[in-house]
Each structure stands twice: as structure tokens, then as C-alpha cells.
Amino acid sequence: MKKILFPTDFSPAAHNAYQYAIAMAKEKGAKIDLIHVYSIPFTGTDLYLDLSQQRELRVQKQMQMEQNLQHFINQYDFKNIGDKLVYPGVFIDQEIIERSRKKGCDLVIMGTKGECNAMDKLMGSVTTRLMMNAGCPVLAIPENAKYKGMKEIVYATTFSFKDKHFLEKLADFGSEFGTKIHFLHVTDDPKIDIEDELYVEGLPSRFIRFSVVNNPSVMDGIDEFLKENPADALALYIPKRNLWERLFHSSFSKKMTFHTDIPLFVFHE
């Protein structure tokens, strides 16, 4: 891992996530690019300003946001900073997504606020849209999460054997961090048993564990498992079908109850 992209809105959640990103970057010798996308609100008084006055206001806003980003950076002892990007934008997530694709970032790390773990909040959030469309994996850091290494990741899987590309990515990450991958399958079939063997190329078998949880709710099953088996992150593969639909489809009325101190690690197609 060489480059991390870190979007920030300067909130407490962003400060916590940045400390997490710094710890990970220091461990791997990675560089962090920071990006802040801001909106310019339109008010009725703007109608009475000529073009030069409007341009001056935009310049002032840009300068203020650049100062805010530098102040954010200066609060932490980390020097391996790459680009410092400040953009005005209407669609915040799209600006970040385009940046993640253009610069070849290995990982996006960003903070999430407590109530963003509720399904009805999450579905419309910048974090969710970024998870679905970023050009690299996304690690969403809850407000209470602290980096303690990546010793074990729980991967919620359907055991479909069709996600070879994702498994290779997960294997690469696990090998780089010495991470144990715990495969978790949630099912409402009490007769199902753990697969005899799941081979992940490049990932030694000693780094793989399997568990099956019987629960009619995927979300409740994952939460139940995480309560009894603490992990450093919960990994999801989002192929825009199957698991994502089961977890976040609008027919679900329950809130997500994943622990607020466990980061969500999302890979997608």
C-alpha cells in the first residue's frame, strides 16, 4: 500500500479517522492525499452582485477552505503528505470518486458519524455512494474506532465461489498486513454447514477461518457474531447484487447494529 486518499469535512469523525489513517500509513510507509469538497450556498443577495463581486467571494471561500485544510493537517505529527486538494462541488461524493480513480490510490479512508450506521441514514450518505463507486477499496472509520493493527478481519460472505477477483484483493491485503481472514456466512437454514474447504490463492491457510451463523437477518447475524468475536474490521464485497441487496435493500426496516468501534472495509466491482 503506497497511497491513501483521505476525504475530510473537518468534523470530529474526520479527526478520529485521520488519526486512524496516520497510524496505518506510518505502519506501511504510505503517503496520504487529503481532499476537501465544499459547496457554495446560493443566497438571494447573490442576485445583486456583479460578476467580479461573485468571483471575489468564490476566491475568498476557496482561500478559507484551503486554510482550514492546512489547519486540520497541522494538528498532527505526520509529514508524508501528498496532494492537498480543495474543490467547490455540488456532488461531494462524485468529486472524491473521480479523484480516487485518477490518482491510482490504493485505499480511501474516511470517517463516519454514529447515526450513519442506521440503514435509513446510510443509504443516502456520501460514504455509501463512495463505497459503491470509488476506484479502490474504502475503509469507513466510526467515531470510536482506534487503529490497533489489522490482525483479524471478518469477511461476510455468501460462499458463492464467484468472487475470485475480490478474494485475490483480500488475500493481497491480508498478506501485506499479516491479517487473519475470518469468513462468516449468515443463513436462515439450520442444516447448512461450513464448507469443507475454500482455497484463496496467495493467502496461507493458517490465515483463514470459517464460521456459520444461523439467523434470519443478515444484519443481526453479523452483529451477533461480532459481539462474540471482536475484529479489527468487517469486510464486505459489493458486486451490486446479492449481499449488498440483502444488507441494504429498502425492504429492510431495522437499523444496522454493527458495533460503533468496528471499521467497515468495502471492496466492490
C-alpha atoms as a PDB file:
ATOM      1  CA  MET A   1       0.000   0.000   0.000  1.00  0.00           C
ATOM      2  CA  LYS A   2       1.574   3.237  -1.187  1.00  0.00           C
ATOM      3  CA  LYS A   3      -1.148   5.868  -1.282  1.00  0.00           C
ATOM      4  CA  ILE A   4      -4.215   6.619   0.867  1.00  0.00           C
ATOM      5  CA  LEU A   5      -6.861   9.139  -0.151  1.00  0.00           C
ATOM      6  CA  PHE A   6      -8.447  10.850   2.841  1.00  0.00           C
ATOM      7  CA  PRO A   7     -11.606  12.969   2.378  1.00  0.00           C
ATOM      8  CA  THR A   8     -12.325  15.322   5.265  1.00  0.00           C
ATOM      9  CA  ASP A   9     -15.084  17.680   6.342  1.00  0.00           C
ATOM     10  CA  PHE A  10     -13.120  18.727   9.469  1.00  0.00           C
ATOM     11  CA  SER A  11     -15.697  17.121  11.765  1.00  0.00           C
ATOM     12  CA  PRO A  12     -14.806  15.188  14.950  1.00  0.00           C
ATOM     13  CA  ALA A  13     -15.417  11.968  13.000  1.00  0.00           C
ATOM     14  CA  ALA A  14     -12.932  13.117  10.362  1.00  0.00           C
ATOM     15  CA  HIS A  15     -10.323  13.940  13.017  1.00  0.00           C
ATOM     16  CA  ASN A  16     -10.650  10.472  14.510  1.00  0.00           C
ATOM     17  CA  ALA A  17     -10.470   8.800  11.103  1.00  0.00           C
ATOM     18  CA  TYR A  18      -7.389  10.840  10.189  1.00  0.00           C
ATOM     19  CA  GLN A  19      -5.583   9.588  13.288  1.00  0.00           C
ATOM     20  CA  TYR A  20      -6.528   6.079  12.178  1.00  0.00           C
ATOM     21  CA  ALA A  21      -5.229   6.763   8.662  1.00  0.00           C
ATOM     22  CA  ILE A  22      -1.971   8.207  10.008  1.00  0.00           C
ATOM     23  CA  ALA A  23      -1.331   5.141  12.155  1.00  0.00           C
ATOM     24  CA  MET A  24      -1.919   2.828   9.204  1.00  0.00           C
ATOM     25  CA  ALA A  25       0.182   4.984   6.865  1.00  0.00           C
ATOM     26  CA  LYS A  26       3.091   5.067   9.314  1.00  0.00           C
ATOM     27  CA  GLU A  27       2.988   1.289   9.652  1.00  0.00           C
ATOM     28  CA  LYS A  28       3.135   0.772   5.879  1.00  0.00           C
ATOM     29  CA  GLY A  29       5.166   3.844   4.878  1.00  0.00           C
ATOM     30  CA  ALA A  30       2.229   5.120   2.815  1.00  0.00           C
ATOM     31  CA  LYS A  31       1.546   8.664   1.650  1.00  0.00           C
ATOM     32  CA  ILE A  32      -1.771  10.401   2.369  1.00  0.00           C
ATOM     33  CA  ASP A  33      -3.527  12.672  -0.117  1.00  0.00           C
ATOM     34  CA  LEU A  34      -6.188  14.840   1.509  1.00  0.00           C
ATOM     35  CA  ILE A  35      -9.276  16.220  -0.184  1.00  0.00           C
ATOM     36  CA  HIS A  36     -11.993  18.601   0.982  1.00  0.00           C
ATOM     37  CA  VAL A  37     -15.001  19.289  -1.217  1.00  0.00           C
ATOM     38  CA  TYR A  38     -17.203  22.203  -0.204  1.00  0.00           C
ATOM     39  CA  SER A  39     -20.432  23.667  -1.503  1.00  0.00           C
ATOM     40  CA  ILE A  40     -21.090  27.338  -2.159  1.00  0.00           C
ATOM     41  CA  PRO A  41     -24.584  28.192  -0.895  1.00  0.00           C
ATOM     42  CA  PHE A  42     -26.682  30.456  -3.085  1.00  0.00           C
ATOM     43  CA  THR A  43     -28.492  33.309  -1.366  1.00  0.00           C
ATOM     44  CA  GLY A  44     -30.887  35.935  -2.587  1.00  0.00           C
ATOM     45  CA  THR A  45     -28.251  38.649  -2.186  1.00  0.00           C
ATOM     46  CA  ASP A  46     -26.138  36.947  -4.871  1.00  0.00           C
ATOM     47  CA  LEU A  47     -28.581  38.292  -7.451  1.00  0.00           C
ATOM     48  CA  TYR A  48     -27.436  41.819  -6.647  1.00  0.00           C
ATOM     49  CA  LEU A  49     -23.713  41.136  -7.048  1.00  0.00           C
ATOM     50  CA  ASP A  50     -21.905  41.707 -10.310  1.00  0.00           C
ATOM     51  CA  LEU A  51     -19.617  39.042 -11.758  1.00  0.00           C
ATOM     52  CA  SER A  52     -16.457  40.493 -10.231  1.00  0.00           C
ATOM     53  CA  GLN A  53     -18.014  40.521  -6.760  1.00  0.00           C
ATOM     54  CA  GLN A  54     -19.217  36.933  -7.158  1.00  0.00           C
ATOM     55  CA  ARG A  55     -15.754  35.904  -8.332  1.00  0.00           C
ATOM     56  CA  GLU A  56     -14.171  37.609  -5.328  1.00  0.00           C
ATOM     57  CA  LEU A  57     -16.488  35.761  -2.945  1.00  0.00           C
ATOM     58  CA  ARG A  58     -15.540  32.454  -4.575  1.00  0.00           C
ATOM     59  CA  VAL A  59     -11.841  33.260  -4.229  1.00  0.00           C
ATOM     60  CA  GLN A  60     -12.286  34.139  -0.573  1.00  0.00           C
ATOM     61  CA  LYS A  61     -14.206  30.927   0.054  1.00  0.00           C
ATOM     62  CA  GLN A  62     -11.510  28.869  -1.643  1.00  0.00           C
ATOM     63  CA  MET A  63      -8.759  30.520   0.393  1.00  0.00           C
ATOM     64  CA  GLN A  64     -10.666  29.941   3.629  1.00  0.00           C
ATOM     65  CA  MET A  65     -11.199  26.263   2.865  1.00  0.00           C
ATOM     66  CA  GLU A  66      -7.519  25.823   1.955  1.00  0.00           C
ATOM     67  CA  GLN A  67      -6.570  27.405   5.291  1.00  0.00           C
ATOM     68  CA  ASN A  68      -8.997  25.087   7.086  1.00  0.00           C
ATOM     69  CA  LEU A  69      -7.433  22.047   5.447  1.00  0.00           C
ATOM     70  CA  GLN A  70      -3.926  23.179   6.353  1.00  0.00           C
ATOM     71  CA  HIS A  71      -5.016  23.792   9.939  1.00  0.00           C
ATOM     72  CA  PHE A  72      -6.504  20.295  10.020  1.00  0.00           C
ATOM     73  CA  ILE A  73      -3.201  18.824   8.815  1.00  0.00           C
ATOM     74  CA  ASN A  74      -1.061  20.883  11.183  1.00  0.00           C
ATOM     75  CA  GLN A  75      -2.719  19.395  14.259  1.00  0.00           C
ATOM     76  CA  TYR A  76      -0.997  16.046  13.691  1.00  0.00           C
ATOM     77  CA  ASP A  77       2.593  14.893  13.584  1.00  0.00           C
ATOM     78  CA  PHE A  78       2.623  13.370  10.118  1.00  0.00           C
ATOM     79  CA  LYS A  79       4.796  14.640   7.289  1.00  0.00           C
ATOM     80  CA  ASN A  80       4.252  12.127   4.493  1.00  0.00           C
ATOM     81  CA  ILE A  81       1.534  14.255   2.904  1.00  0.00           C
ATOM     82  CA  GLY A  82       0.899  14.108  -0.819  1.00  0.00           C
ATOM     83  CA  ASP A  83      -1.624  16.336  -2.540  1.00  0.00           C
ATOM     84  CA  LYS A  84      -3.786  18.767  -0.587  1.00  0.00           C
ATOM     85  CA  LEU A  85      -6.935  19.233  -2.631  1.00  0.00           C
ATOM     86  CA  VAL A  86      -9.746  21.710  -2.091  1.00  0.00           C
ATOM     87  CA  TYR A  87     -12.630  21.812  -4.566  1.00  0.00           C
ATOM     88  CA  PRO A  88     -16.015  23.505  -4.764  1.00  0.00           C
ATOM     89  CA  GLY A  89     -18.589  20.958  -5.828  1.00  0.00           C
ATOM     90  CA  VAL A  90     -22.275  20.123  -5.915  1.00  0.00           C
ATOM     91  CA  PHE A  91     -21.852  16.355  -5.646  1.00  0.00           C
ATOM     92  CA  ILE A  92     -19.244  15.787  -2.954  1.00  0.00           C
ATOM     93  CA  ASP A  93     -19.049  12.043  -3.411  1.00  0.00           C
ATOM     94  CA  GLN A  94     -18.517  12.325  -7.183  1.00  0.00           C
ATOM     95  CA  GLU A  95     -15.509  14.622  -6.774  1.00  0.00           C
ATOM     96  CA  ILE A  96     -13.920  12.161  -4.342  1.00  0.00           C
ATOM     97  CA  ILE A  97     -14.760   9.188  -6.569  1.00  0.00           C
ATOM     98  CA  GLU A  98     -13.142  10.803  -9.599  1.00  0.00           C
ATOM     99  CA  ARG A  99     -10.037  11.607  -7.583  1.00  0.00           C
ATOM    100  CA  SER A 100      -9.767   8.032  -6.305  1.00  0.00           C
ATOM    101  CA  ARG A 101      -9.835   6.784  -9.887  1.00  0.00           C
ATOM    102  CA  LYS A 102      -7.451   9.298 -11.434  1.00  0.00           C
ATOM    103  CA  LYS A 103      -4.546   9.120  -8.994  1.00  0.00           C
ATOM    104  CA  GLY A 104      -4.263   5.376  -8.519  1.00  0.00           C
ATOM    105  CA  CYS A 105      -4.977   5.392  -4.795  1.00  0.00           C
ATOM    106  CA  ASP A 106      -4.749   2.056  -3.015  1.00  0.00           C
ATOM    107  CA  LEU A 107      -7.297   2.861  -0.310  1.00  0.00           C
ATOM    108  CA  VAL A 108      -9.804   5.539   0.688  1.00  0.00           C
ATOM    109  CA  ILE A 109     -10.154   6.107   4.433  1.00  0.00           C
ATOM    110  CA  MET A 110     -12.927   8.318   5.748  1.00  0.00           C
ATOM    111  CA  GLY A 111     -14.853   8.886   8.947  1.00  0.00           C
ATOM    112  CA  THR A 112     -18.482   8.046   9.623  1.00  0.00           C
ATOM    113  CA  LYS A 113     -20.719   9.602  12.230  1.00  0.00           C
ATOM    114  CA  GLY A 114     -22.568   7.482  14.750  1.00  0.00           C
ATOM    115  CA  GLU A 115     -26.048   7.584  13.267  1.00  0.00           C
ATOM    116  CA  CYS A 116     -24.680   6.826   9.808  1.00  0.00           C
ATOM    117  CA  ASN A 117     -24.743   3.205  10.908  1.00  0.00           C
ATOM    118  CA  ALA A 118     -28.517   3.256  10.643  1.00  0.00           C
ATOM    119  CA  MET A 119     -29.667   1.853   7.341  1.00  0.00           C
ATOM    120  CA  ASP A 120     -32.021   4.724   6.572  1.00  0.00           C
ATOM    121  CA  LYS A 121     -29.206   7.228   7.146  1.00  0.00           C
ATOM    122  CA  LEU A 122     -26.527   5.202   5.399  1.00  0.00           C
ATOM    123  CA  MET A 123     -28.408   4.692   2.151  1.00  0.00           C
ATOM    124  CA  GLY A 124     -28.271   8.372   1.274  1.00  0.00           C
ATOM    125  CA  SER A 125     -24.852   9.213   2.631  1.00  0.00           C
ATOM    126  CA  VAL A 126     -21.712  10.329   0.838  1.00  0.00           C
ATOM    127  CA  THR A 127     -19.932   7.388   2.470  1.00  0.00           C
ATOM    128  CA  THR A 128     -22.292   4.853   0.905  1.00  0.00           C
ATOM    129  CA  ARG A 129     -22.082   6.310  -2.593  1.00  0.00           C
ATOM    130  CA  LEU A 130     -18.314   6.420  -2.263  1.00  0.00           C
ATOM    131  CA  MET A 131     -18.238   2.792  -1.142  1.00  0.00           C
ATOM    132  CA  MET A 132     -20.235   1.786  -4.211  1.00  0.00           C
ATOM    133  CA  ASN A 133     -18.212   3.694  -6.782  1.00  0.00           C
ATOM    134  CA  ALA A 134     -14.679   4.523  -5.613  1.00  0.00           C
ATOM    135  CA  GLY A 135     -11.789   3.371  -7.737  1.00  0.00           C
ATOM    136  CA  CYS A 136     -10.299   1.406  -4.855  1.00  0.00           C
ATOM    137  CA  PRO A 137     -11.396  -0.200  -1.558  1.00  0.00           C
ATOM    138  CA  VAL A 138     -12.938   2.087   1.069  1.00  0.00           C
ATOM    139  CA  LEU A 139     -12.347   1.853   4.812  1.00  0.00           C
ATOM    140  CA  ALA A 140     -15.082   3.671   6.771  1.00  0.00           C
ATOM    141  CA  ILE A 141     -13.989   4.551  10.306  1.00  0.00           C
ATOM    142  CA  PRO A 142     -16.612   5.021  13.066  1.00  0.00           C
ATOM    143  CA  GLU A 143     -16.144   7.794  15.586  1.00  0.00           C
ATOM    144  CA  ASN A 144     -14.912   5.494  18.361  1.00  0.00           C
ATOM    145  CA  ALA A 145     -12.529   3.312  16.318  1.00  0.00           C
ATOM    146  CA  LYS A 146      -8.807   3.328  17.112  1.00  0.00           C
ATOM    147  CA  TYR A 147      -6.151   1.715  14.965  1.00  0.00           C
ATOM    148  CA  LYS A 148      -4.624  -1.315  16.656  1.00  0.00           C
ATOM    149  CA  GLY A 149      -3.345  -3.032  13.562  1.00  0.00           C
ATOM    150  CA  MET A 150      -5.240  -5.310  11.194  1.00  0.00           C
ATOM    151  CA  LYS A 151      -4.786  -8.615  12.960  1.00  0.00           C
ATOM    152  CA  GLU A 152      -8.199 -10.049  12.019  1.00  0.00           C
ATOM    153  CA  ILE A 153     -10.868  -9.116   9.503  1.00  0.00           C
ATOM    154  CA  VAL A 154     -14.296 -10.700   9.434  1.00  0.00           C
ATOM    155  CA  TYR A 155     -15.483 -11.117   5.849  1.00  0.00           C
ATOM    156  CA  ALA A 156     -19.245 -11.553   5.444  1.00  0.00           C
ATOM    157  CA  THR A 157     -19.646 -13.916   2.503  1.00  0.00           C
ATOM    158  CA  THR A 158     -22.242 -15.957   0.650  1.00  0.00           C
ATOM    159  CA  PHE A 159     -19.660 -18.730  -0.015  1.00  0.00           C
ATOM    160  CA  SER A 160     -20.599 -18.415  -3.688  1.00  0.00           C
ATOM    161  CA  PHE A 161     -17.092 -19.037  -5.063  1.00  0.00           C
ATOM    162  CA  LYS A 162     -17.857 -16.460  -7.766  1.00  0.00           C
ATOM    163  CA  ASP A 163     -15.963 -13.524  -6.274  1.00  0.00           C
ATOM    164  CA  LYS A 164     -12.443 -14.637  -7.182  1.00  0.00           C
ATOM    165  CA  HIS A 165     -11.236 -11.142  -8.045  1.00  0.00           C
ATOM    166  CA  PHE A 166     -12.310  -9.797  -4.661  1.00  0.00           C
ATOM    167  CA  LEU A 167     -10.788 -12.732  -2.812  1.00  0.00           C
ATOM    168  CA  GLU A 168      -7.479 -12.052  -4.527  1.00  0.00           C
ATOM    169  CA  LYS A 169      -7.642  -8.411  -3.372  1.00  0.00           C
ATOM    170  CA  LEU A 170      -8.467  -9.522   0.142  1.00  0.00           C
ATOM    171  CA  ALA A 171      -5.630 -12.044   0.014  1.00  0.00           C
ATOM    172  CA  ASP A 172      -3.198  -9.326  -1.065  1.00  0.00           C
ATOM    173  CA  PHE A 173      -4.289  -7.079   1.776  1.00  0.00           C
ATOM    174  CA  GLY A 174      -4.187  -9.906   4.303  1.00  0.00           C
ATOM    175  CA  SER A 175      -0.712 -10.958   3.236  1.00  0.00           C
ATOM    176  CA  GLU A 176       0.604  -7.383   3.421  1.00  0.00           C
ATOM    177  CA  PHE A 177      -0.711  -6.811   6.945  1.00  0.00           C
ATOM    178  CA  GLY A 178      -0.366 -10.384   8.238  1.00  0.00           C
ATOM    179  CA  THR A 179      -4.124 -10.404   8.722  1.00  0.00           C
ATOM    180  CA  LYS A 180      -6.227 -13.414   9.620  1.00  0.00           C
ATOM    181  CA  ILE A 181      -9.335 -13.573   7.459  1.00  0.00           C
ATOM    182  CA  HIS A 182     -12.416 -14.942   9.217  1.00  0.00           C
ATOM    183  CA  PHE A 183     -15.061 -15.951   6.662  1.00  0.00           C
ATOM    184  CA  LEU A 184     -18.578 -15.532   8.039  1.00  0.00           C
ATOM    185  CA  HIS A 185     -21.747 -16.857   6.430  1.00  0.00           C
ATOM    186  CA  VAL A 186     -25.160 -15.882   7.807  1.00  0.00           C
ATOM    187  CA  THR A 187     -28.051 -18.144   6.827  1.00  0.00           C
ATOM    188  CA  ASP A 188     -31.577 -18.982   7.924  1.00  0.00           C
ATOM    189  CA  ASP A 189     -31.024 -22.647   7.009  1.00  0.00           C
ATOM    190  CA  PRO A 190     -30.235 -24.545  10.254  1.00  0.00           C
ATOM    191  CA  LYS A 191     -28.938 -27.522   8.274  1.00  0.00           C
ATOM    192  CA  ILE A 192     -26.177 -25.721   6.416  1.00  0.00           C
ATOM    193  CA  ASP A 193     -22.636 -26.460   7.485  1.00  0.00           C
ATOM    194  CA  ILE A 194     -19.277 -24.825   6.870  1.00  0.00           C
ATOM    195  CA  GLU A 195     -17.730 -25.572   3.504  1.00  0.00           C
ATOM    196  CA  ASP A 196     -15.047 -28.229   3.768  1.00  0.00           C
ATOM    197  CA  GLU A 197     -12.505 -26.059   2.032  1.00  0.00           C
ATOM    198  CA  LEU A 198     -12.233 -22.645   0.400  1.00  0.00           C
ATOM    199  CA  TYR A 199      -8.955 -22.026  -1.343  1.00  0.00           C
ATOM    200  CA  VAL A 200      -7.803 -18.408  -1.608  1.00  0.00           C
ATOM    201  CA  GLU A 201      -4.782 -18.139  -3.856  1.00  0.00           C
ATOM    202  CA  GLY A 202      -1.907 -16.317  -2.189  1.00  0.00           C
ATOM    203  CA  LEU A 203      -3.366 -16.476   1.309  1.00  0.00           C
ATOM    204  CA  PRO A 204      -1.874 -19.186   3.541  1.00  0.00           C
ATOM    205  CA  SER A 205      -4.476 -21.498   5.052  1.00  0.00           C
ATOM    206  CA  ARG A 206      -3.307 -20.582   8.546  1.00  0.00           C
ATOM    207  CA  PHE A 207      -4.732 -17.101   7.895  1.00  0.00           C
ATOM    208  CA  ILE A 208      -8.234 -18.404   7.124  1.00  0.00           C
ATOM    209  CA  ARG A 209     -11.071 -19.322   9.486  1.00  0.00           C
ATOM    210  CA  PHE A 210     -14.727 -20.125   8.792  1.00  0.00           C
ATOM    211  CA  SER A 211     -17.942 -19.663  10.729  1.00  0.00           C
ATOM    212  CA  VAL A 212     -21.649 -20.027  10.012  1.00  0.00           C
ATOM    213  CA  VAL A 213     -24.313 -18.139  11.976  1.00  0.00           C
ATOM    214  CA  ASN A 214     -27.940 -19.177  11.787  1.00  0.00           C
ATOM    215  CA  ASN A 215     -30.094 -16.049  11.765  1.00  0.00           C
ATOM    216  CA  PRO A 216     -32.970 -14.947   9.503  1.00  0.00           C
ATOM    217  CA  SER A 217     -31.474 -11.428   9.429  1.00  0.00           C
ATOM    218  CA  VAL A 218     -28.074 -10.954   7.824  1.00  0.00           C
ATOM    219  CA  MET A 219     -27.501  -7.749   9.776  1.00  0.00           C
ATOM    220  CA  ASP A 220     -28.455  -9.278  13.114  1.00  0.00           C
ATOM    221  CA  GLY A 221     -26.362 -12.355  12.378  1.00  0.00           C
ATOM    222  CA  ILE A 222     -23.255 -10.319  11.655  1.00  0.00           C
ATOM    223  CA  ASP A 223     -23.807  -8.199  14.739  1.00  0.00           C
ATOM    224  CA  GLU A 224     -24.310 -11.283  16.880  1.00  0.00           C
ATOM    225  CA  PHE A 225     -21.057 -12.753  15.620  1.00  0.00           C
ATOM    226  CA  LEU A 226     -19.040  -9.540  16.104  1.00  0.00           C
ATOM    227  CA  LYS A 227     -20.208  -9.238  19.709  1.00  0.00           C
ATOM    228  CA  GLU A 228     -18.679 -12.622  20.488  1.00  0.00           C
ATOM    229  CA  ASN A 229     -15.726 -12.371  18.116  1.00  0.00           C
ATOM    230  CA  PRO A 230     -14.137  -8.898  18.154  1.00  0.00           C
ATOM    231  CA  ALA A 231     -12.348  -7.979  14.944  1.00  0.00           C
ATOM    232  CA  ASP A 232     -10.356  -5.074  13.549  1.00  0.00           C
ATOM    233  CA  ALA A 233     -12.708  -4.598  10.597  1.00  0.00           C
ATOM    234  CA  LEU A 234     -15.757  -6.043   8.898  1.00  0.00           C
ATOM    235  CA  ALA A 235     -15.166  -6.618   5.174  1.00  0.00           C
ATOM    236  CA  LEU A 236     -17.909  -6.655   2.552  1.00  0.00           C
ATOM    237  CA  TYR A 237     -17.709  -7.292  -1.156  1.00  0.00           C
ATOM    238  CA  ILE A 238     -20.320  -5.300  -3.059  1.00  0.00           C
ATOM    239  CA  PRO A 239     -20.964  -6.647  -6.558  1.00  0.00           C
ATOM    240  CA  LYS A 240     -24.107  -4.505  -6.803  1.00  0.00           C
ATOM    241  CA  ARG A 241     -26.185  -7.623  -6.289  1.00  0.00           C
ATOM    242  CA  ASN A 242     -26.799 -10.362  -3.732  1.00  0.00           C
ATOM    243  CA  LEU A 243     -25.075  -9.381  -0.475  1.00  0.00           C
ATOM    244  CA  TRP A 244     -25.491  -5.627  -0.889  1.00  0.00           C
ATOM    245  CA  GLU A 245     -29.191  -6.081  -1.650  1.00  0.00           C
ATOM    246  CA  ARG A 246     -29.628  -8.371   1.349  1.00  0.00           C
ATOM    247  CA  LEU A 247     -27.922  -5.910   3.659  1.00  0.00           C
ATOM    248  CA  PHE A 248     -29.255  -2.577   2.485  1.00  0.00           C
ATOM    249  CA  HIS A 249     -32.378  -3.149   0.389  1.00  0.00           C
ATOM    250  CA  SER A 250     -35.179  -0.742   1.195  1.00  0.00           C
ATOM    251  CA  SER A 251     -37.399  -3.619   2.312  1.00  0.00           C
ATOM    252  CA  PHE A 252     -35.320  -3.849   5.472  1.00  0.00           C
ATOM    253  CA  SER A 253     -36.773  -1.740   8.258  1.00  0.00           C
ATOM    254  CA  LYS A 254     -34.281  -2.481  11.000  1.00  0.00           C
ATOM    255  CA  LYS A 255     -31.299  -0.319  11.728  1.00  0.00           C
ATOM    256  CA  MET A 256     -27.827  -1.677  11.251  1.00  0.00           C
ATOM    257  CA  THR A 257     -26.421  -2.556  14.641  1.00  0.00           C
ATOM    258  CA  PHE A 258     -22.781  -3.156  13.822  1.00  0.00           C
ATOM    259  CA  HIS A 259     -20.573  -2.114  16.701  1.00  0.00           C
ATOM    260  CA  THR A 260     -19.656   1.544  16.514  1.00  0.00           C
ATOM    261  CA  ASP A 261     -15.976   0.785  17.054  1.00  0.00           C
ATOM    262  CA  ILE A 262     -15.522  -1.628  14.122  1.00  0.00           C
ATOM    263  CA  PRO A 263     -14.483  -0.126  10.758  1.00  0.00           C
ATOM    264  CA  LEU A 264     -16.275  -1.233   7.618  1.00  0.00           C
ATOM    265  CA  PHE A 265     -13.944  -2.340   4.802  1.00  0.00           C
ATOM    266  CA  VAL A 266     -15.696  -2.345   1.431  1.00  0.00           C
ATOM    267  CA  PHE A 267     -14.500  -3.786  -1.856  1.00  0.00           C
ATOM    268  CA  HIS A 268     -16.618  -3.572  -4.995  1.00  0.00           C
ATOM    269  CA  GLU A 269     -16.595  -4.337  -8.692  1.00  0.00           C
END
